[in-house]
Amino acid sequence: MYEYLPWSKQVLDKAYIDYQSGNFSIIDAELGGICNLNCIYCDSPDRNKKSLSVDIIKKLLDTKQFEWLFICGLGEPAYGENKVQLIELLKSCRKNNVKCSMFTNLINFDEELFSYIELDVLYIMFKLDSFDENKLKLLYGNPNINYKDILNKIEQIASYVKIKDNCTNICASIVPTTINYKELPEVIKFCMSKNIFPLIGDLEDSGKGQNVYKKLKLSNEQLKIIKKELSNDYKIPICPSVLFGIHILYNGIVAVDKSTGLSCHWFWLTEPKIKYFKNIRDYQNIEELTKEIINYRITKIDYLNKLIPNIDDLIFGGCGGNIKELLKFYLSIHGNFKENNLKK
């Protein structure tokens, strides 16, 4: 099975090498919270939050230190004022030879955004839970959206698939629920036929999802049946940004997962607990920020050594990777990591 390039082993391995030298090579940025959908299980329904950090992100890209920009979390990046900022960032990525991975619902994609896919600047993970209009209306929570247009966009994005070095540039984000359970074999088959990587992530007990979690959550037995539709070695990949990214919130604050120090918290599949650092503008340089993040991570190693044996294996896992596998890899990194690798 092809890998999704931004979440591939080759990108993970390269980012790991940079990290051993004391460098974060990925920026993980939020735009604003506005969105054109109102998904029934939305983990971050924060519609009033506006992005304040685009200019500083562009300056970071200009340093040439970063190879990837990941955009996910909060609202739809291709909608409203988010889209204006997104185009600015994509222009900056192209100028600095940086690749951008983005989660999107595709609805507001146009020829300008498609052109960045053709230029190998933009790699997308798009929302794909169903092809059934009634199910989409229920899951996506906006009856005013033209759902036939969504399906047309999905067919259109399939025409932009590129394969190189066993990796694809397009990924489908699929959340299994009791609503789309019976249709999932068809969804997976579509992805496989189009060389789109099907990233199946467990339902999160967070945000609006907390209100419907018990109603929508599939059993392990059901998830195992879904997994049989995939190759025998299928597993949700580790997102390199969780380990090797600098996570900048919509307001410019740098954040990590409070209990681990990892750069993203969504892999827990629950309401996040966040450790806030300073605003990215308040650091003298990237080296100062890098040292602060890694020193915080080191304080969590003993806790993780005790925690991991008590974590159950998951059939799939959440955004960022399967919890136990992700944390084991994280510990192996810091078991070999030397503080003197950090830039002085």
Protein backbone atom coordinates (compact mmCIF):
# COMPACT_ATOMS: atom_id res chain seq x y z
CA MET A 1 0.00 0.00 0.00
CA TYR A 2 1.23 3.49 -0.82
CA GLU A 3 2.06 5.83 2.05
CA TYR A 4 0.80 9.41 2.35
CA LEU A 5 4.04 11.32 1.81
CA PRO A 6 3.77 13.83 4.70
CA TRP A 7 3.12 10.92 7.12
CA SER A 8 5.53 8.53 5.42
CA LYS A 9 8.50 6.74 6.92
CA GLN A 10 10.90 8.66 4.70
CA VAL A 11 9.67 12.03 6.04
CA LEU A 12 9.61 10.67 9.60
CA ASP A 13 13.19 9.37 9.31
CA LYS A 14 14.50 12.63 7.84
CA ALA A 15 12.79 14.70 10.55
CA TYR A 16 14.27 12.38 13.19
CA ILE A 17 17.79 12.99 11.86
CA ASP A 18 17.23 16.74 12.03
CA TYR A 19 15.87 16.42 15.57
CA GLN A 20 18.95 14.51 16.72
CA SER A 21 20.95 17.54 15.62
CA GLY A 22 18.71 19.82 17.68
CA ASN A 23 16.42 21.01 14.89
CA PHE A 24 12.67 20.95 14.49
CA SER A 25 12.05 20.74 10.74
CA ILE A 26 8.24 21.05 10.74
CA ILE A 27 5.90 23.89 11.64
CA ASP A 28 2.47 22.72 12.81
CA ALA A 29 0.21 25.77 12.58
CA GLU A 30 -3.42 26.56 13.25
CA LEU A 31 -5.42 29.06 11.24
CA GLY A 32 -8.73 30.46 12.50
CA GLY A 33 -11.72 28.52 13.77
CA ILE A 34 -14.22 29.47 11.07
CA CYS A 35 -15.69 26.56 9.15
CA ASN A 36 -18.38 25.91 6.54
CA LEU A 37 -19.46 22.68 8.25
CA ASN A 38 -20.77 21.84 11.70
CA CYS A 39 -19.72 18.22 12.01
CA ILE A 40 -21.57 16.11 14.53
CA TYR A 41 -18.29 14.97 16.14
CA CYS A 42 -16.18 18.14 15.69
CA ASP A 43 -13.34 18.08 18.22
CA SER A 44 -12.65 21.84 18.12
CA PRO A 45 -15.80 23.91 17.44
CA ASP A 46 -14.08 27.24 18.12
CA ARG A 47 -15.62 29.43 15.44
CA ASN A 48 -14.63 32.82 16.90
CA LYS A 49 -10.87 32.25 17.04
CA LYS A 50 -8.94 34.19 14.41
CA SER A 51 -5.43 33.46 13.23
CA LEU A 52 -2.87 36.02 14.40
CA SER A 53 0.35 34.24 13.52
CA VAL A 54 0.57 34.09 9.72
CA ASP A 55 3.26 36.79 9.41
CA ILE A 56 5.53 35.13 11.94
CA ILE A 57 5.05 31.74 10.27
CA LYS A 58 6.14 33.29 6.97
CA LYS A 59 9.25 34.66 8.69
CA LEU A 60 10.01 31.21 10.08
CA LEU A 61 9.68 29.70 6.61
CA ASP A 62 12.11 32.33 5.34
CA THR A 63 14.80 30.96 7.69
CA LYS A 64 15.08 27.87 5.43
CA GLN A 65 15.21 25.65 8.54
CA PHE A 66 11.84 24.03 7.93
CA GLU A 67 10.98 21.46 5.30
CA TRP A 68 7.26 21.06 6.03
CA LEU A 69 4.31 23.17 7.11
CA PHE A 70 1.39 21.19 8.56
CA ILE A 71 -1.99 22.95 8.79
CA CYS A 72 -4.68 21.24 10.82
CA GLY A 73 -6.87 21.87 13.83
CA LEU A 74 -9.63 24.40 14.40
CA GLY A 75 -11.56 25.44 11.28
CA GLU A 76 -11.46 24.87 7.54
CA PRO A 77 -8.26 26.38 6.07
CA ALA A 78 -9.82 26.93 2.63
CA TYR A 79 -12.81 28.92 3.93
CA GLY A 80 -13.30 32.67 4.40
CA GLU A 81 -10.42 34.68 5.82
CA ASN A 82 -8.54 31.44 6.52
CA LYS A 83 -8.24 30.95 2.77
CA VAL A 84 -6.63 34.35 2.28
CA GLN A 85 -3.99 33.46 4.88
CA LEU A 86 -3.60 29.97 3.45
CA ILE A 87 -2.72 31.37 0.02
CA GLU A 88 -0.11 33.64 1.65
CA LEU A 89 1.45 30.64 3.35
CA LEU A 90 1.43 28.53 0.19
CA LYS A 91 3.20 31.31 -1.68
CA SER A 92 5.80 31.43 1.08
CA CYS A 93 6.18 27.65 0.98
CA ARG A 94 6.77 27.72 -2.76
CA LYS A 95 9.34 30.51 -2.42
CA ASN A 96 11.23 28.62 0.30
CA ASN A 97 10.94 25.11 -1.17
CA VAL A 98 8.76 23.97 1.75
CA LYS A 99 6.00 21.41 1.35
CA CYS A 100 2.60 21.91 3.00
CA SER A 101 0.27 19.20 4.33
CA MET A 102 -3.27 20.26 5.12
CA PHE A 103 -6.53 18.79 6.40
CA THR A 104 -9.58 20.04 4.46
CA ASN A 105 -13.20 19.27 3.65
CA LEU A 106 -12.53 20.27 -0.02
CA ILE A 107 -15.73 22.31 -0.35
CA ASN A 108 -14.00 25.62 -1.13
CA PHE A 109 -11.19 24.21 -3.23
CA ASP A 110 -10.73 26.09 -6.50
CA GLU A 111 -8.27 26.15 -9.37
CA GLU A 112 -5.77 28.27 -7.42
CA LEU A 113 -5.55 25.69 -4.63
CA PHE A 114 -5.49 22.80 -7.07
CA SER A 115 -2.56 24.49 -8.80
CA TYR A 116 -0.45 24.19 -5.63
CA ILE A 117 -1.12 20.45 -5.66
CA GLU A 118 0.13 20.30 -9.24
CA LEU A 119 3.25 22.25 -8.19
CA ASP A 120 4.01 19.64 -5.49
CA VAL A 121 3.70 22.31 -2.81
CA LEU A 122 0.36 21.24 -1.31
CA TYR A 123 -0.46 17.74 -0.07
CA ILE A 124 -3.94 17.22 1.27
CA MET A 125 -5.79 14.98 3.66
CA PHE A 126 -9.46 15.41 2.83
CA LYS A 127 -12.53 14.44 4.78
CA LEU A 128 -14.26 11.33 3.44
CA ASP A 129 -16.78 9.53 5.65
CA SER A 130 -19.47 8.61 3.14
CA PHE A 131 -20.79 8.96 -0.40
CA ASP A 132 -24.41 8.91 0.77
CA GLU A 133 -26.06 12.36 0.78
CA ASN A 134 -28.28 11.66 3.80
CA LYS A 135 -25.36 10.38 5.85
CA LEU A 136 -23.27 13.37 4.84
CA LYS A 137 -25.99 15.76 5.95
CA LEU A 138 -26.13 14.05 9.33
CA LEU A 139 -22.37 13.81 9.83
CA TYR A 140 -21.38 17.19 8.40
CA GLY A 141 -24.14 19.18 10.07
CA ASN A 142 -24.87 21.72 7.33
CA PRO A 143 -28.02 21.04 5.26
CA ASN A 144 -27.33 24.11 3.10
CA ILE A 145 -24.17 22.67 1.57
CA ASN A 146 -24.42 21.26 -1.94
CA TYR A 147 -23.47 17.67 -1.19
CA LYS A 148 -23.37 16.69 -4.85
CA ASP A 149 -20.64 19.31 -5.20
CA ILE A 150 -18.68 17.62 -2.40
CA LEU A 151 -18.83 14.32 -4.24
CA ASN A 152 -17.72 16.03 -7.45
CA LYS A 153 -14.77 17.59 -5.59
CA ILE A 154 -13.78 14.17 -4.29
CA GLU A 155 -13.77 12.81 -7.83
CA GLN A 156 -11.80 15.85 -8.96
CA ILE A 157 -9.15 15.49 -6.25
CA ALA A 158 -8.62 11.90 -7.32
CA SER A 159 -7.41 13.20 -10.67
CA TYR A 160 -4.55 15.03 -8.92
CA VAL A 161 -3.04 11.91 -7.36
CA LYS A 162 0.69 11.49 -7.95
CA ILE A 163 2.77 8.48 -6.97
CA LYS A 164 6.49 8.74 -6.29
CA ASP A 165 8.81 6.48 -4.27
CA ASN A 166 5.85 4.43 -3.06
CA CYS A 167 4.12 7.54 -1.69
CA THR A 168 0.94 9.33 -2.70
CA ASN A 169 0.25 13.03 -2.38
CA ILE A 170 -3.43 12.60 -1.43
CA CYS A 171 -4.93 11.07 1.71
CA ALA A 172 -8.52 10.54 2.85
CA SER A 173 -9.37 11.06 6.52
CA ILE A 174 -12.02 8.50 7.42
CA VAL A 175 -13.73 8.37 10.81
CA PRO A 176 -15.60 5.09 11.41
CA THR A 177 -18.95 5.53 13.19
CA THR A 178 -22.21 3.67 13.58
CA ILE A 179 -23.59 5.92 10.84
CA ASN A 180 -21.13 4.99 8.07
CA TYR A 181 -20.02 1.56 9.29
CA LYS A 182 -21.68 -0.50 6.55
CA GLU A 183 -20.45 1.81 3.84
CA LEU A 184 -16.79 1.82 4.89
CA PRO A 185 -15.73 -1.11 2.62
CA GLU A 186 -16.96 0.94 -0.36
CA VAL A 187 -15.11 4.06 0.86
CA ILE A 188 -11.89 2.10 1.37
CA LYS A 189 -12.23 0.41 -2.03
CA PHE A 190 -12.63 3.81 -3.70
CA CYS A 191 -9.45 5.10 -2.05
CA MET A 192 -7.43 2.04 -2.98
CA SER A 193 -8.61 2.18 -6.60
CA LYS A 194 -7.51 5.83 -6.87
CA ASN A 195 -4.16 5.43 -5.03
CA ILE A 196 -5.43 7.62 -2.21
CA PHE A 197 -4.16 6.60 1.22
CA PRO A 198 -7.13 5.74 3.51
CA LEU A 199 -6.27 7.07 6.94
CA ILE A 200 -8.79 5.55 9.31
CA GLY A 201 -8.71 7.35 12.65
CA ASP A 202 -10.80 6.42 15.69
CA LEU A 203 -13.58 8.70 16.87
CA GLU A 204 -12.43 11.31 19.39
CA ASP A 205 -14.17 11.80 22.73
CA SER A 206 -13.61 15.54 22.53
CA GLY A 207 -15.37 18.78 21.68
CA LYS A 208 -18.86 18.19 20.27
CA GLY A 209 -17.92 14.55 19.92
CA GLN A 210 -18.37 14.10 23.66
CA ASN A 211 -22.12 14.52 23.20
CA VAL A 212 -22.43 11.64 20.72
CA TYR A 213 -19.40 9.49 21.50
CA LYS A 214 -21.24 6.52 23.00
CA LYS A 215 -23.84 6.62 20.23
CA LEU A 216 -21.31 6.74 17.38
CA LYS A 217 -18.39 4.67 18.71
CA LEU A 218 -17.85 1.30 17.06
CA SER A 219 -16.83 -1.77 19.03
CA ASN A 220 -13.38 -3.34 18.64
CA GLU A 221 -15.02 -6.26 16.86
CA GLN A 222 -16.53 -3.91 14.29
CA LEU A 223 -13.22 -2.09 13.84
CA LYS A 224 -11.46 -5.42 13.26
CA ILE A 225 -13.91 -6.19 10.48
CA ILE A 226 -13.10 -2.85 8.86
CA LYS A 227 -9.38 -3.52 9.14
CA LYS A 228 -9.81 -6.73 7.15
CA GLU A 229 -10.70 -4.55 4.16
CA LEU A 230 -7.11 -3.26 4.21
CA SER A 231 -3.74 -4.87 3.65
CA ASN A 232 -2.43 -7.14 6.40
CA ASP A 233 0.30 -4.70 7.39
CA TYR A 234 -1.99 -1.65 7.53
CA LYS A 235 -1.56 0.65 10.50
CA ILE A 236 -2.24 4.30 11.13
CA PRO A 237 1.12 6.03 10.56
CA ILE A 238 2.93 8.23 13.02
CA CYS A 239 2.55 11.87 12.08
CA PRO A 240 6.09 13.36 11.99
CA SER A 241 4.78 16.69 13.24
CA VAL A 242 3.67 15.16 16.55
CA LEU A 243 7.31 14.39 17.31
CA PHE A 244 9.30 16.86 15.27
CA GLY A 245 7.04 19.88 14.79
CA ILE A 246 6.74 23.23 16.51
CA HIS A 247 3.03 23.62 17.24
CA ILE A 248 1.89 27.23 16.92
CA LEU A 249 -1.70 27.96 17.97
CA TYR A 250 -3.96 30.40 16.15
CA ASN A 251 -2.88 33.20 18.54
CA GLY A 252 0.87 32.60 18.17
CA ILE A 253 1.30 30.69 21.43
CA VAL A 254 3.57 27.64 21.25
CA ALA A 255 1.94 24.57 22.79
CA VAL A 256 2.71 20.93 23.58
CA ASP A 257 0.79 18.03 25.05
CA LYS A 258 0.95 18.58 28.81
CA SER A 259 1.49 14.98 29.87
CA THR A 260 4.16 14.02 27.31
CA GLY A 261 5.66 17.15 25.78
CA LEU A 262 4.76 15.93 22.30
CA SER A 263 3.93 18.70 19.87
CA CYS A 264 0.33 17.67 19.28
CA HIS A 265 -2.26 16.33 21.72
CA TRP A 266 -4.91 14.75 19.48
CA PHE A 267 -3.41 11.25 19.50
CA TRP A 268 -5.00 10.72 22.96
CA LEU A 269 -8.50 10.73 21.35
CA THR A 270 -9.82 12.70 24.34
CA GLU A 271 -10.28 16.32 25.41
CA PRO A 272 -6.76 17.79 25.29
CA LYS A 273 -4.55 18.84 28.18
CA ILE A 274 -2.18 21.48 26.91
CA LYS A 275 1.07 23.00 28.15
CA TYR A 276 1.39 26.58 26.91
CA PHE A 277 4.77 28.18 26.31
CA LYS A 278 5.35 31.79 25.25
CA ASN A 279 4.20 33.50 22.10
CA ILE A 280 6.46 32.53 19.22
CA ARG A 281 7.34 36.25 18.82
CA ASP A 282 8.79 36.38 22.35
CA TYR A 283 11.63 33.94 21.68
CA GLN A 284 14.99 35.39 20.74
CA ASN A 285 15.54 32.61 18.24
CA ILE A 286 14.41 29.10 17.31
CA GLU A 287 17.26 27.58 19.30
CA GLU A 288 15.87 29.04 22.53
CA LEU A 289 12.43 27.60 21.81
CA THR A 290 13.84 24.23 20.76
CA LYS A 291 15.75 23.89 24.01
CA GLU A 292 12.67 24.79 26.07
CA ILE A 293 10.51 22.17 24.37
CA ILE A 294 13.09 19.40 24.62
CA ASN A 295 13.90 20.17 28.25
CA TYR A 296 10.18 19.92 29.04
CA ARG A 297 9.99 16.61 27.20
CA ILE A 298 12.86 15.21 29.22
CA THR A 299 10.93 15.85 32.46
CA LYS A 300 8.17 13.51 31.20
CA ILE A 301 10.30 10.47 30.39
CA ASP A 302 9.99 8.74 33.78
CA TYR A 303 6.21 9.23 33.72
CA LEU A 304 5.97 7.69 30.25
CA ASN A 305 8.06 4.69 31.21
CA LYS A 306 5.52 3.91 33.90
CA LEU A 307 2.49 4.75 31.74
CA ILE A 308 3.13 2.79 28.55
CA PRO A 309 2.72 -0.75 29.98
CA ASN A 310 -0.80 0.21 31.10
CA ILE A 311 -1.95 1.47 27.70
CA ASP A 312 -4.13 -0.87 25.66
CA ASP A 313 -3.36 -1.54 22.01
CA LEU A 314 -5.86 0.03 19.62
CA ILE A 315 -7.24 -1.45 16.41
CA PHE A 316 -6.41 1.75 14.56
CA GLY A 317 -5.52 4.79 16.64
CA GLY A 318 -6.05 8.51 16.42
CA CYS A 319 -4.71 11.49 14.54
CA GLY A 320 -0.95 11.28 14.96
CA GLY A 321 -0.69 7.55 15.40
CA ASN A 322 -1.58 4.57 17.55
CA ILE A 323 -1.01 5.76 21.14
CA LYS A 324 1.16 2.91 22.42
CA GLU A 325 3.29 2.63 19.29
CA LEU A 326 3.75 6.40 19.12
CA LEU A 327 4.86 6.69 22.74
CA LYS A 328 7.24 3.71 22.47
CA PHE A 329 8.90 5.35 19.47
CA TYR A 330 9.04 8.64 21.36
CA LEU A 331 10.82 6.97 24.28
CA SER A 332 13.29 5.26 21.97
CA ILE A 333 14.17 8.66 20.53
CA HIS A 334 14.78 10.25 23.89
CA GLY A 335 16.61 7.20 25.15
CA ASN A 336 19.24 7.99 22.53
CA PHE A 337 18.86 11.74 22.57
CA LYS A 338 21.69 13.77 24.03
CA GLU A 339 21.07 17.24 25.39
CA ASN A 340 24.43 18.34 24.10
CA ASN A 341 23.05 17.89 20.59
CA LEU A 342 21.05 21.05 21.18
CA LYS A 343 22.42 24.18 19.62
CA LYS A 344 24.03 26.46 22.16
